[in-house]
Amino acid sequence: MQASRWFFYTMLCGIVLLLCRCANPGILSGGAKDTIPPQVVKRIPPLGQTNFKGKEVSIFFDESIRGKNLQQELIITPRIEGKDAYEIIEKKYGITLRFKRPLAENTTYNIHFRNGIVDVTEGNPAKEAMIVFSTGTQLDSLQIAGRCVAALSGEPIENALVGLYPTHDSINPALHEPLYLGRSNASGNFQLRYLKAGKYRLFVIEDQNKNGKWDPKELLGFLPNTLSLETNLDSLFVELVPQDIEAPRIVSKRSSSQYAYSVVNINEGIDSVAILPNLPFALDKTGRQIKIYHKESLEVIIAAKDSTGNLLHDTLQLEAPKGTAKEKFEVEISEKYQPYTQELQLHIYANKPIERQIDSLFYAYIDQDTIQKQVFSGALFQSPTPNRLIFQKKLNFQDSAKVIIDKGWLVSIEHDSSNIQWSKQVVAANPKDFSTLRLRITNTNSNAWIMQLLNKDGKVVKEQPINKSTIEIKGLPPEEYKLRFFEDKNRNNRWDSGNYKENISHERIFIYNKTLRLKANWEVEEELSIK
């Protein structure tokens, strides 16, 4: 009986242990992830066929596929005119393109699906998903290849539109699509194949809106010389830049029914304005609206300039304003302070033209001296427009300073006073908290280069011409920096982005690829050559 109980107990423990193991079987594996892309098994017509007269083409794969952003990924060169020139038909194992109008004679067509065809399981894009044929007796076989980058950063541009335009056509990338086109990959590399021999102009467009044309807000690059395509070209390099070449223009005007001014609206922001006759005016914060103060109907001449130097010059007839009310006088102050140099910069914006300043209401107490105050007179200010002031001064203190602007400091042309009260307290910085960068430049090939020091956010923190081989920059906050240089050939102290309409390339840029890591109380020396 004892033995039977022991046997039963042993069997029961074994069964429980087996059930526990079965209840925790572990994670079942579904096998290795499918990373093999769909393989092309058939093309109609076959790759490279000549004398093609059909109305549709197809490509088939060894597994089930689907289209992924196919309209955006599909590239057909040469370009087929018309929005509804063809129909895309998706099938389980293939894609068919049905053309709705006859193809051009004696033309080699390259239909490239890029990454627009993927398998249905893992979304692996098909490789070599293209159909190439000729409607004539010969297959064009030339090709170009190269790389495109953003000139100001040196970073590659992905999915940029690379276009070839025949030189016999009127070339305007803002209005016309290219004859041959391709797209750059993530490394900025591009390749256009099956091209016909001839003379072309090459443009590369950022094409963010994917409309196949250049929009003025997009980056643009071009090669200034005509490409004589007789043999393959495989090392083209294109830098893309912002191109602001259009002059500002007036889009509307109106006389106020409430206030004693007229409003003139501009299509883009402008930096400076001159008006004849000499009337009071205010330029708003966007630079797109001018308020001109006047009482009678009159003719005015407006001359303005945007940030890249494009000029506006126009004559307007202004009707007499009907309003007599006064707008509330509003003033805004933005500040920028450099602790190491103790330099304070203020940008003052008013919504009305400024008639005068009351000097005694803008002052500073230096080193806690609350008895003797330093007054800042109007002579210290720049005035880019009648409603803007720029103040810049080194405060020169030992321990601390407090800068104060009292209410009533500014008086508008309508004789009302500003209601803003502003102050800033600053203390002496410890020089050991900053870094010094010393650059030794071994060759510039000219004295027209300008150096730009960029922080880790890509913002220019220091800019100066290179007029000697050694540059020393003190008082830099400890962080990472990059160097960028541009050749100021026309000596206008700014970088010019060129003009594609006049076939003028942008001023040359050199980016020093090494990151400069500065630490507090360090002096870093760097020797470099501008290439």
Protein backbone atom coordinates (compact mmCIF):
# COMPACT_ATOMS: atom_id res chain seq x y z
CA MET A 1 0.00 0.00 0.00
CA GLN A 2 2.90 2.34 0.88
CA ALA A 3 4.58 1.49 -2.42
CA SER A 4 1.36 2.18 -4.36
CA ARG A 5 1.00 5.61 -2.76
CA TRP A 6 4.62 6.46 -3.56
CA PHE A 7 4.14 5.39 -7.20
CA PHE A 8 0.94 7.44 -7.51
CA TYR A 9 2.63 10.52 -6.00
CA THR A 10 5.60 10.20 -8.36
CA MET A 11 3.34 9.88 -11.42
CA LEU A 12 1.26 12.90 -10.32
CA CYS A 13 4.38 15.11 -9.96
CA GLY A 14 5.58 14.04 -13.38
CA ILE A 15 2.24 14.92 -15.00
CA VAL A 16 2.18 18.37 -13.30
CA LEU A 17 5.74 19.07 -14.42
CA LEU A 18 4.88 18.10 -18.00
CA LEU A 19 1.80 20.34 -18.00
CA CYS A 20 3.85 23.29 -16.68
CA ARG A 21 6.35 22.87 -19.48
CA CYS A 22 3.54 22.74 -22.02
CA ALA A 23 2.00 25.91 -20.55
CA ASN A 24 5.26 27.82 -21.19
CA PRO A 25 6.24 26.76 -24.68
CA GLY A 26 8.24 29.96 -25.45
CA ILE A 27 7.86 32.28 -28.43
CA LEU A 28 7.34 30.56 -31.72
CA SER A 29 9.56 31.85 -34.48
CA GLY A 30 8.09 32.65 -37.87
CA GLY A 31 11.45 32.23 -39.53
CA ALA A 32 13.85 34.82 -40.92
CA LYS A 33 12.42 38.11 -42.16
CA ASP A 34 12.00 38.30 -45.92
CA THR A 35 14.59 40.78 -47.21
CA ILE A 36 14.76 39.54 -50.79
CA PRO A 37 13.29 42.09 -53.22
CA PRO A 38 10.93 41.04 -56.01
CA GLN A 39 12.83 39.81 -59.07
CA VAL A 40 11.90 40.79 -62.61
CA VAL A 41 10.88 37.70 -64.60
CA LYS A 42 9.51 39.31 -67.75
CA ARG A 43 9.28 42.65 -69.55
CA ILE A 44 7.01 43.47 -72.47
CA PRO A 45 8.71 44.62 -74.62
CA PRO A 46 12.04 42.97 -73.69
CA LEU A 47 14.74 45.27 -72.31
CA GLY A 48 16.33 47.26 -75.13
CA GLN A 49 13.89 46.33 -77.91
CA THR A 50 13.89 48.56 -80.97
CA ASN A 51 11.11 49.38 -83.45
CA PHE A 52 8.49 49.19 -80.70
CA LYS A 53 5.01 50.14 -82.00
CA GLY A 54 2.80 48.95 -79.14
CA LYS A 55 0.35 50.93 -77.01
CA GLU A 56 1.20 49.42 -73.63
CA VAL A 57 4.20 48.04 -71.73
CA SER A 58 4.34 45.64 -68.76
CA ILE A 59 6.78 44.34 -66.15
CA PHE A 60 6.26 41.11 -64.13
CA PHE A 61 7.85 39.72 -60.95
CA ASP A 62 8.37 36.40 -59.20
CA GLU A 63 6.05 37.24 -56.28
CA SER A 64 3.00 39.32 -55.44
CA ILE A 65 3.64 43.05 -55.63
CA ARG A 66 1.89 46.37 -55.06
CA GLY A 67 2.50 49.98 -55.97
CA LYS A 68 3.90 52.32 -53.33
CA ASN A 69 3.75 56.05 -54.14
CA LEU A 70 3.96 54.94 -57.73
CA GLN A 71 2.89 58.22 -59.29
CA GLN A 72 5.68 60.03 -57.44
CA GLU A 73 8.33 57.35 -57.94
CA LEU A 74 7.69 56.67 -61.63
CA ILE A 75 10.03 58.50 -64.04
CA ILE A 76 9.56 58.37 -67.80
CA THR A 77 12.24 59.90 -70.02
CA PRO A 78 12.03 61.61 -72.36
CA ARG A 79 9.05 63.32 -70.77
CA ILE A 80 5.65 62.35 -72.17
CA GLU A 81 3.51 65.48 -72.52
CA GLY A 82 0.10 65.72 -70.86
CA LYS A 83 -1.28 64.92 -67.42
CA ASP A 84 -3.31 61.95 -68.72
CA ALA A 85 -0.77 60.65 -71.21
CA TYR A 86 -0.89 57.13 -69.77
CA GLU A 87 -2.78 54.86 -67.39
CA ILE A 88 -1.18 52.72 -64.66
CA ILE A 89 -2.75 49.28 -64.23
CA GLU A 90 -1.68 47.30 -61.15
CA LYS A 91 -1.89 43.48 -61.26
CA LYS A 92 -1.02 40.78 -58.73
CA TYR A 93 2.38 40.03 -60.23
CA GLY A 94 3.01 43.05 -62.42
CA ILE A 95 2.41 46.62 -63.58
CA THR A 96 1.14 47.75 -66.99
CA LEU A 97 1.36 51.23 -68.51
CA ARG A 98 -1.20 51.94 -71.23
CA PHE A 99 -0.39 54.98 -73.41
CA LYS A 100 -3.32 57.16 -74.49
CA ARG A 101 -1.55 58.84 -77.38
CA PRO A 102 1.15 57.74 -79.84
CA LEU A 103 4.76 57.77 -78.66
CA ALA A 104 7.36 59.93 -80.43
CA GLU A 105 9.11 58.35 -83.39
CA ASN A 106 12.79 57.32 -83.30
CA THR A 107 12.96 57.85 -79.55
CA THR A 108 14.48 55.77 -76.77
CA TYR A 109 12.19 55.59 -73.73
CA ASN A 110 13.35 54.72 -70.22
CA ILE A 111 10.48 53.89 -67.84
CA HIS A 112 11.94 53.66 -64.34
CA PHE A 113 9.73 52.70 -61.40
CA ARG A 114 12.48 53.42 -58.84
CA ASN A 115 11.14 52.37 -55.39
CA GLY A 116 7.51 52.43 -56.48
CA ILE A 117 7.05 48.62 -56.70
CA VAL A 118 7.33 46.55 -53.49
CA ASP A 119 6.43 43.04 -52.36
CA VAL A 120 3.16 42.66 -50.46
CA THR A 121 4.68 40.97 -47.39
CA GLU A 122 7.62 43.13 -46.23
CA GLY A 123 7.54 46.07 -48.63
CA ASN A 124 10.95 45.31 -50.17
CA PRO A 125 11.40 47.54 -53.24
CA ALA A 126 12.05 45.76 -56.53
CA LYS A 127 15.48 46.19 -58.12
CA GLU A 128 16.08 47.08 -61.76
CA ALA A 129 12.37 47.83 -62.15
CA MET A 130 12.62 49.50 -65.52
CA ILE A 131 11.46 49.10 -69.10
CA VAL A 132 13.66 50.42 -71.89
CA PHE A 133 12.77 50.39 -75.58
CA SER A 134 13.11 52.45 -78.75
CA THR A 135 10.44 53.39 -81.26
CA GLY A 136 13.20 53.59 -83.89
CA THR A 137 15.97 51.40 -85.17
CA GLN A 138 18.57 52.47 -82.60
CA LEU A 139 18.72 52.46 -78.81
CA ASP A 140 20.30 55.58 -77.26
CA SER A 141 22.86 54.50 -74.69
CA LEU A 142 24.64 57.56 -73.30
CA GLN A 143 24.45 58.42 -69.62
CA ILE A 144 25.45 61.04 -67.06
CA ALA A 145 26.11 60.63 -63.34
CA GLY A 146 27.08 62.92 -60.50
CA ARG A 147 26.26 64.28 -57.08
CA CYS A 148 24.26 67.24 -55.74
CA VAL A 149 24.59 69.00 -52.38
CA ALA A 150 23.28 72.11 -50.65
CA ALA A 151 26.05 74.68 -51.12
CA LEU A 152 25.63 76.41 -47.74
CA SER A 153 25.78 73.20 -45.68
CA GLY A 154 27.56 70.68 -47.90
CA GLU A 155 24.81 68.15 -47.12
CA PRO A 156 23.52 65.87 -49.89
CA ILE A 157 20.02 66.52 -51.21
CA GLU A 158 17.79 63.49 -51.50
CA ASN A 159 15.11 63.19 -54.17
CA ALA A 160 16.20 66.32 -56.01
CA LEU A 161 14.98 66.55 -59.60
CA VAL A 162 17.88 66.34 -62.06
CA GLY A 163 16.88 67.65 -65.45
CA LEU A 164 18.45 67.95 -68.90
CA TYR A 165 17.08 70.70 -71.15
CA PRO A 166 17.89 70.88 -74.89
CA THR A 167 19.81 74.08 -75.63
CA HIS A 168 17.59 74.88 -78.62
CA ASP A 169 14.61 75.30 -76.25
CA SER A 170 13.84 78.34 -74.11
CA ILE A 171 15.12 77.22 -70.70
CA ASN A 172 13.26 78.34 -67.60
CA PRO A 173 13.11 75.69 -64.86
CA ALA A 174 10.32 77.66 -63.16
CA LEU A 175 8.05 77.25 -66.21
CA HIS A 176 9.21 74.20 -68.13
CA GLU A 177 9.80 70.56 -67.29
CA PRO A 178 13.05 68.97 -68.52
CA LEU A 179 13.29 66.58 -71.47
CA TYR A 180 15.26 64.00 -69.47
CA LEU A 181 14.88 63.77 -65.71
CA GLY A 182 15.98 61.69 -62.75
CA ARG A 183 16.09 61.83 -58.97
CA SER A 184 18.98 61.86 -56.51
CA ASN A 185 19.32 59.22 -53.79
CA ALA A 186 19.97 59.73 -50.07
CA SER A 187 23.67 60.37 -50.77
CA GLY A 188 22.85 63.00 -53.37
CA ASN A 189 24.04 60.75 -56.20
CA PHE A 190 22.15 60.75 -59.49
CA GLN A 191 22.28 58.92 -62.82
CA LEU A 192 20.42 59.51 -66.08
CA ARG A 193 20.66 56.67 -68.61
CA TYR A 194 19.68 55.95 -72.21
CA LEU A 195 20.27 59.52 -73.36
CA LYS A 196 20.50 60.82 -76.89
CA ALA A 197 23.66 62.59 -78.03
CA GLY A 198 23.31 66.36 -78.19
CA LYS A 199 23.78 69.65 -76.35
CA TYR A 200 22.00 70.15 -73.04
CA ARG A 201 21.81 72.40 -69.99
CA LEU A 202 21.74 70.66 -66.60
CA PHE A 203 19.57 71.98 -63.75
CA VAL A 204 18.99 70.37 -60.35
CA ILE A 205 15.87 71.40 -58.43
CA GLU A 206 15.02 70.71 -54.80
CA ASP A 207 11.39 70.17 -55.95
CA GLN A 208 9.78 69.89 -52.53
CA ASN A 209 6.28 70.16 -53.98
CA LYS A 210 7.01 67.45 -56.59
CA ASN A 211 5.60 69.45 -59.49
CA GLY A 212 8.64 68.93 -61.71
CA LYS A 213 9.40 72.66 -61.85
CA TRP A 214 11.41 75.10 -59.79
CA ASP A 215 9.59 77.17 -57.20
CA PRO A 216 11.42 80.32 -55.95
CA LYS A 217 11.27 78.97 -52.40
CA GLU A 218 13.24 75.86 -53.43
CA LEU A 219 16.98 75.44 -53.85
CA LEU A 220 18.32 75.48 -57.41
CA GLY A 221 21.61 74.41 -58.95
CA PHE A 222 22.94 74.44 -62.49
CA LEU A 223 26.07 73.96 -64.53
CA PRO A 224 26.97 77.22 -66.31
CA ASN A 225 28.47 75.46 -69.31
CA THR A 226 26.56 73.53 -71.97
CA LEU A 227 26.93 69.75 -71.78
CA SER A 228 28.02 68.40 -75.16
CA LEU A 229 26.90 64.83 -74.67
CA GLU A 230 28.92 62.66 -77.03
CA THR A 231 30.37 60.27 -74.44
CA ASN A 232 29.33 59.27 -70.93
CA LEU A 233 29.86 61.85 -68.15
CA ASP A 234 30.23 60.33 -64.70
CA SER A 235 31.63 62.95 -62.28
CA LEU A 236 29.29 65.94 -62.43
CA PHE A 237 28.97 68.01 -59.26
CA VAL A 238 26.15 70.49 -58.66
CA GLU A 239 25.69 72.80 -55.67
CA LEU A 240 22.16 74.00 -54.94
CA VAL A 241 21.53 77.48 -53.54
CA PRO A 242 18.56 79.72 -52.74
CA GLN A 243 17.91 81.98 -55.73
CA ASP A 244 16.15 85.25 -55.04
CA ILE A 245 16.41 87.09 -58.35
CA GLU A 246 12.95 88.59 -58.68
CA ALA A 247 12.45 92.25 -57.82
CA PRO A 248 9.88 93.08 -55.14
CA ARG A 249 6.63 94.48 -56.51
CA ILE A 250 3.67 96.42 -55.18
CA VAL A 251 0.54 94.28 -55.05
CA SER A 252 -2.02 96.73 -53.64
CA LYS A 253 -2.58 100.17 -52.15
CA ARG A 254 -5.40 101.85 -50.25
CA SER A 255 -6.10 105.02 -48.34
CA SER A 256 -7.19 104.45 -44.75
CA SER A 257 -10.73 105.40 -43.82
CA GLN A 258 -9.81 105.57 -40.13
CA TYR A 259 -6.25 106.90 -39.90
CA ALA A 260 -4.25 109.60 -41.65
CA TYR A 261 -2.15 107.35 -43.86
CA SER A 262 -2.19 105.16 -46.96
CA VAL A 263 -1.14 101.50 -46.97
CA VAL A 264 1.08 100.00 -49.69
CA ASN A 265 1.51 96.20 -49.74
CA ILE A 266 4.59 94.46 -51.17
CA ASN A 267 4.73 90.83 -52.36
CA GLU A 268 7.84 90.07 -50.26
CA GLY A 269 9.80 91.47 -47.35
CA ILE A 270 12.01 94.49 -48.05
CA ASP A 271 14.89 95.88 -45.98
CA SER A 272 15.08 99.52 -46.98
CA VAL A 273 12.72 102.11 -48.47
CA ALA A 274 12.96 105.64 -49.86
CA ILE A 275 9.92 107.76 -50.73
CA LEU A 276 9.67 110.97 -52.78
CA PRO A 277 8.46 113.44 -51.80
CA ASN A 278 9.99 113.00 -48.36
CA LEU A 279 6.99 111.81 -46.33
CA PRO A 280 6.88 110.09 -42.92
CA PHE A 281 6.35 106.34 -43.26
CA ALA A 282 6.53 103.11 -41.25
CA LEU A 283 7.64 99.69 -42.51
CA ASP A 284 5.98 96.82 -40.65
CA LYS A 285 7.85 93.91 -39.01
CA THR A 286 7.43 91.61 -42.02
CA GLY A 287 8.78 94.24 -44.41
CA ARG A 288 5.72 93.72 -46.62
CA GLN A 289 3.63 96.77 -45.72
CA ILE A 290 4.39 100.50 -45.80
CA LYS A 291 2.22 103.09 -44.09
CA ILE A 292 2.70 106.51 -45.69
CA TYR A 293 1.46 109.50 -43.68
CA HIS A 294 -0.05 112.33 -45.77
CA LYS A 295 -3.14 114.58 -45.88
CA GLU A 296 -3.75 115.29 -49.56
CA SER A 297 -3.90 113.27 -52.76
CA LEU A 298 -0.50 113.10 -54.39
CA GLU A 299 1.89 111.12 -56.55
CA VAL A 300 4.76 109.31 -54.82
CA ILE A 301 7.84 107.47 -56.02
CA ILE A 302 8.79 104.39 -54.01
CA ALA A 303 12.25 102.83 -54.19
CA ALA A 304 12.91 99.71 -52.10
CA LYS A 305 15.42 96.88 -51.83
CA ASP A 306 15.15 93.32 -50.51
CA SER A 307 17.82 91.37 -48.59
CA THR A 308 19.60 90.20 -51.75
CA GLY A 309 19.67 93.62 -53.38
CA ASN A 310 16.76 93.28 -55.81
CA LEU A 311 15.27 96.71 -56.47
CA LEU A 312 11.70 97.96 -56.57
CA HIS A 313 11.01 101.29 -58.27
CA ASP A 314 7.44 102.39 -58.84
CA THR A 315 5.23 105.48 -59.05
CA LEU A 316 1.85 105.55 -57.31
CA GLN A 317 -1.08 107.90 -57.09
CA LEU A 318 -2.35 108.05 -53.49
CA GLU A 319 -5.78 109.31 -52.58
CA ALA A 320 -6.19 111.54 -49.55
CA PRO A 321 -6.88 109.50 -46.38
CA LYS A 322 -10.35 110.05 -44.93
CA GLY A 323 -9.46 109.16 -41.34
CA THR A 324 -8.19 111.48 -38.61
CA ALA A 325 -7.95 109.09 -35.64
CA LYS A 326 -4.59 108.30 -34.03
CA GLU A 327 -3.37 104.72 -33.80
CA LYS A 328 -2.09 103.65 -30.39
CA PHE A 329 1.69 104.15 -30.29
CA GLU A 330 3.26 100.71 -29.71
CA VAL A 331 6.96 99.98 -29.28
CA GLU A 332 8.77 96.61 -29.15
CA ILE A 333 12.37 96.03 -28.00
CA SER A 334 14.50 92.96 -28.77
CA GLU A 335 17.95 92.57 -27.26
CA LYS A 336 21.22 90.80 -27.90
CA TYR A 337 24.01 90.87 -25.32
CA GLN A 338 27.58 89.56 -25.55
CA PRO A 339 28.85 88.83 -22.00
CA TYR A 340 32.54 88.62 -22.98
CA THR A 341 32.69 91.94 -24.86
CA GLN A 342 29.94 93.60 -22.77
CA GLU A 343 28.33 94.74 -26.01
CA LEU A 344 24.60 95.41 -25.90
CA GLN A 345 22.52 95.58 -29.07
CA LEU A 346 18.89 96.67 -29.11
CA HIS A 347 16.45 96.61 -32.01
CA ILE A 348 13.54 98.99 -31.46
CA TYR A 349 10.43 98.73 -33.61
CA ALA A 350 7.53 101.20 -33.51
CA ASN A 351 4.26 100.97 -35.38
CA LYS A 352 4.48 104.68 -36.29
CA PRO A 353 7.34 106.91 -37.47
CA ILE A 354 9.47 108.23 -34.59
CA GLU A 355 9.76 112.02 -34.41
CA ARG A 356 12.29 112.27 -31.58
CA GLN A 357 13.88 110.65 -28.53
CA ILE A 358 14.07 112.08 -25.03
CA ASP A 359 17.67 111.28 -24.11
CA SER A 360 17.22 111.52 -20.34
CA LEU A 361 14.83 108.55 -20.41
CA PHE A 362 17.37 106.04 -21.80
CA TYR A 363 20.30 105.54 -19.44
CA ALA A 364 22.45 103.11 -17.47
CA TYR A 365 23.84 102.76 -13.96
CA ILE A 366 27.41 101.44 -14.13
CA ASP A 367 28.92 99.36 -11.29
CA GLN A 368 25.99 99.93 -8.93
CA ASP A 369 26.39 103.68 -9.01
CA THR A 370 22.78 104.71 -8.45
CA ILE A 371 23.62 108.40 -8.26
CA GLN A 372 25.49 109.05 -11.50
CA LYS A 373 23.72 107.70 -14.53
CA GLN A 374 25.09 107.42 -18.07
CA VAL A 375 22.63 108.82 -20.63
CA PHE A 376 22.51 107.46 -24.18
CA SER A 377 21.87 110.20 -26.72
CA GLY A 378 20.15 109.84 -30.07
CA ALA A 379 23.53 110.13 -31.82
CA LEU A 380 24.27 106.53 -30.80
CA PHE A 381 21.41 105.14 -32.89
CA GLN A 382 21.08 103.97 -36.47
CA SER A 383 17.71 104.41 -38.16
CA PRO A 384 17.17 102.07 -41.16
CA THR A 385 13.55 103.31 -41.47
CA PRO A 386 11.70 106.14 -39.66
CA ASN A 387 10.03 103.65 -37.29
CA ARG A 388 13.09 101.56 -36.43
CA LEU A 389 16.17 102.19 -34.31
CA ILE A 390 19.31 100.13 -33.71
CA PHE A 391 21.42 100.74 -30.60
CA GLN A 392 24.82 99.10 -30.18
CA LYS A 393 27.32 99.96 -27.46
CA LYS A 394 30.02 98.43 -25.29
CA LEU A 395 28.97 99.10 -21.70
CA ASN A 396 32.47 99.05 -20.13
CA PHE A 397 31.82 98.06 -16.51
CA GLN A 398 33.81 96.25 -13.81
CA ASP A 399 31.15 94.41 -11.82
CA SER A 400 27.66 95.09 -13.16
CA ALA A 401 25.45 97.46 -15.11
CA LYS A 402 21.75 98.17 -15.37
CA VAL A 403 20.30 99.67 -18.55
CA ILE A 404 16.89 101.35 -18.31
CA ILE A 405 14.35 102.75 -20.77
CA ASP A 406 11.57 104.73 -19.12
CA LYS A 407 8.08 105.41 -20.39
CA GLY A 408 7.88 108.35 -22.74
CA TRP A 409 11.35 107.82 -24.24
CA LEU A 410 10.05 107.96 -27.84
CA VAL A 411 7.65 110.45 -29.37
CA SER A 412 5.82 109.65 -32.61
CA ILE A 413 5.07 112.03 -35.49
CA GLU A 414 1.56 112.25 -34.06
CA HIS A 415 3.09 113.56 -30.80
CA ASP A 416 2.08 110.64 -28.58
CA SER A 417 4.69 109.02 -26.32
CA SER A 418 5.78 105.41 -25.90
CA ASN A 419 4.33 103.51 -22.95
CA ILE A 420 7.02 100.82 -22.65
CA GLN A 421 9.21 100.37 -19.56
CA TRP A 422 12.31 98.21 -20.13
CA SER A 423 15.44 97.30 -18.18
CA LYS A 424 18.30 94.83 -18.26
CA GLN A 425 20.72 93.90 -15.48
CA VAL A 426 24.09 92.42 -16.52
CA VAL A 427 27.10 91.27 -14.50
CA ALA A 428 30.74 90.85 -15.38
CA ALA A 429 31.59 87.53 -17.00
CA ASN A 430 34.54 85.38 -15.99
CA PRO A 431 37.00 85.20 -18.93
CA LYS A 432 37.82 81.62 -17.91
CA ASP A 433 34.30 80.60 -18.92
CA PHE A 434 35.09 81.30 -22.60
CA SER A 435 37.29 79.92 -25.35
CA THR A 436 39.69 81.37 -27.91
CA LEU A 437 39.97 80.12 -31.48
CA ARG A 438 43.05 80.95 -33.52
CA LEU A 439 43.00 80.16 -37.25
CA ARG A 440 46.08 79.97 -39.44
CA ILE A 441 45.10 80.07 -43.10
CA THR A 442 47.90 78.91 -45.38
CA ASN A 443 46.42 79.85 -48.76
CA THR A 444 43.47 81.88 -49.98
CA ASN A 445 44.63 82.61 -53.56
CA SER A 446 43.00 86.02 -53.17
CA ASN A 447 42.19 88.46 -50.40
CA ALA A 448 38.46 88.42 -51.14
CA TRP A 449 37.48 85.53 -48.88
CA ILE A 450 35.13 86.00 -45.93
CA MET A 451 35.11 83.65 -42.94
CA GLN A 452 31.94 82.54 -41.16
CA LEU A 453 31.95 80.73 -37.82
CA LEU A 454 28.81 78.61 -37.29
CA ASN A 455 27.56 77.14 -34.04
CA LYS A 456 26.09 73.65 -33.70
CA ASP A 457 22.70 74.94 -34.88
CA GLY A 458 24.22 76.28 -38.11
CA LYS A 459 23.79 79.92 -37.05
CA VAL A 460 26.52 82.40 -38.01
CA VAL A 461 28.05 83.72 -34.76
CA LYS A 462 31.05 85.48 -36.30
CA GLU A 463 31.80 86.82 -39.76
CA GLN A 464 34.82 88.75 -40.95
CA PRO A 465 36.95 89.28 -44.07
CA ILE A 466 40.24 87.42 -44.28
CA ASN A 467 42.82 90.18 -44.62
CA LYS A 468 45.66 88.35 -42.92
CA SER A 469 46.80 84.76 -42.50
CA THR A 470 45.97 84.56 -38.76
CA ILE A 471 42.53 85.19 -37.29
CA GLU A 472 41.93 85.21 -33.55
CA ILE A 473 38.42 85.03 -32.11
CA LYS A 474 38.07 85.49 -28.37
CA GLY A 475 35.10 85.13 -26.04
CA LEU A 476 33.48 82.12 -27.66
CA PRO A 477 31.06 80.06 -25.55
CA PRO A 478 32.39 76.50 -25.17
CA GLU A 479 30.60 74.33 -27.72
CA GLU A 480 31.04 72.83 -31.18
CA TYR A 481 31.65 75.03 -34.22
CA LYS A 482 32.06 74.71 -37.99
CA LEU A 483 33.83 76.98 -40.47
CA ARG A 484 32.52 78.22 -43.79
CA PHE A 485 34.23 80.52 -46.27
CA PHE A 486 32.97 82.31 -49.37
CA GLU A 487 34.86 84.18 -52.04
CA ASP A 488 33.57 87.74 -52.22
CA LYS A 489 34.64 88.44 -55.78
CA ASN A 490 32.62 91.62 -56.22
CA ARG A 491 33.70 92.95 -52.78
CA ASN A 492 30.17 93.76 -51.61
CA ASN A 493 30.77 92.05 -48.23
CA ARG A 494 28.05 89.46 -48.72
CA TRP A 495 27.62 86.11 -50.43
CA ASP A 496 25.83 86.28 -53.78
CA SER A 497 23.77 83.28 -54.91
CA GLY A 498 24.08 83.96 -58.64
CA ASN A 499 21.41 84.28 -61.30
CA TYR A 500 20.33 81.35 -63.45
CA LYS A 501 18.64 83.65 -65.97
CA GLU A 502 21.93 85.39 -66.67
CA ASN A 503 23.92 82.14 -66.29
CA ILE A 504 25.88 83.58 -63.34
CA SER A 505 27.05 80.99 -60.81
CA HIS A 506 26.99 81.61 -57.07
CA GLU A 507 30.13 82.86 -55.35
CA ARG A 508 32.37 79.97 -54.41
CA ILE A 509 31.92 78.36 -50.99
CA PHE A 510 34.39 76.28 -49.03
CA ILE A 511 33.20 74.30 -46.01
CA TYR A 512 35.83 73.08 -43.56
CA ASN A 513 34.51 69.65 -42.66
CA LYS A 514 36.24 69.31 -39.31
CA THR A 515 34.14 70.06 -36.22
CA LEU A 516 35.93 72.39 -33.79
CA ARG A 517 35.21 71.45 -30.16
CA LEU A 518 36.00 74.32 -27.79
CA LYS A 519 36.10 74.08 -24.02
CA ALA A 520 36.10 76.72 -21.30
CA ASN A 521 39.46 78.47 -20.76
CA TRP A 522 40.94 76.74 -23.82
CA GLU A 523 42.90 78.22 -26.70
CA VAL A 524 42.51 76.16 -29.85
CA GLU A 525 44.71 76.61 -32.91
CA GLU A 526 43.65 75.28 -36.29
CA GLU A 527 45.66 75.37 -39.51
CA LEU A 528 43.75 75.01 -42.75
CA SER A 529 43.84 75.66 -46.48
CA ILE A 530 40.94 77.07 -48.45
CA LYS A 531 40.38 74.88 -51.49
